[in-house]
Amino acid sequence: MPHFPSEMATPDPVERVPVTEPSDGIPPIGQKVRIEEVAALAGVSPITVSRALRNPAIVSEARRKRIEEVVTKTGYASNPHASALKSGRSNLVAAFLSNITSQQYTAAAEGCAKVLEEAGYHLVIARTSYSYARETTLIRALMTMRPAAAFITGVMELEENRIFLRNLKVPIVESWAYASDPIDMLVGFSNTDGVQLVVDHLAEKGYRKVGFVGRSSGRGTIRLNAFLKGAEAAGIEIKATLTVANVQGIADGRQALRSMLAASPDMDAVFCANDLLGIGAMLEARAMGLNIPGDLAIVGFGDSEVAAEVPPGMTTVVVDAHAIGEKAGEMLLARLTGQKIERPSCLFPVRLEVRGSS
């Protein structure tokens, strides 16, 4: 069961990316955009912008596309949208998923939707793909949608996006990390503590030459740094580290394992800081004829449904994604119905599920 943050949990050192001056002529996020600015960026007159939004058929396709691109980038809201938003009748909740191919994130969305839909709200899903640029574009698009609330499978790192979301004045829940300064509310867990469980397990089992593969930013960096620190303290040698900008699927895990073993064939264990990478590594190891864990131990992070099914079963850090989504939905709904949240941060425990892979 979830519990609230205590001194026993280790906060994750979340990186904050400061606000930078826009280089493309687009107004800073959160700043009201005028139709004249949209027109200037699209290279048309303000009346053409108005016509394109009100009656697209009378504007040439080329101009219409330019205007649509600028509207999306700037988050410009025409008057009809603005008047509807002021009524406060929105029943849409925006969910930003880091990766829609990840079972953990979709399970969290399902849990959140289950709670909200019973109260008449609808979850609208968008994927950030671990991309700052895509995240910013989606955040700007919220200006035309103005959701009732937002759920994020992660914590926002770009300061300009944090400022904009805070200025929306709607309930927001971040997740998947234990940050000390959430935008509004947080339903998270300590990535640092989860990684330490992995280090302790590998050390106890006698693995001394290990590799790491994970994402190259955000929680991936948190997990890498925690692993490096823990391994050093435990006397474990790091033979190789490999980071991936955007984890698309198990193919990334296959490629990562091939690359790491080519560079360091004497590795006796690999920590995959993402279950998709871990499952890919498991499949590739079997394809290479390696005995798991005799030749190579593999440990993941997340405990997707497939982790237990890939022979001999993958040891992994367990995160109750569905419960995280449910709790996020409950906190959002409480705020949407005028209730006060006494504890805006809820911390879920992590544990290591030891299976045959280690």
Foldseek 3Di string as FASTA:
>chain_A
DWFADDPVADAFPFAAAEDDDDDLQADFFQDADDLCSLCVQLVHHSVLLVCCVPPVVVHDPSSNVSSVVSCLLRLHADPVLVVVVVVVPAQEEEEEFQAPVAQLRVLLVVLLQVLSVVVPHHYDYDYQLLDPVSVNSVLSNCSSVLHQEYEYAAADRYVSSLVNNLVSPHHYEYEAGRHPDGSFFYEYAHLLVLLLQVLVVCLVVPFAEEEEEEAPDGVRVSSVVSNVVNNVVSNHHYQYYYHDNGDHFLCQLLVVLVVSCVRPVQGQEYEYAAVRNQLSVLVNCVVVVHDANVRYAYEYEDDDVCQQVRPPHHKYKHDPSNVSSNVSSVVSVCVSVPHDDPRRYMYGYIDIDDTRRD
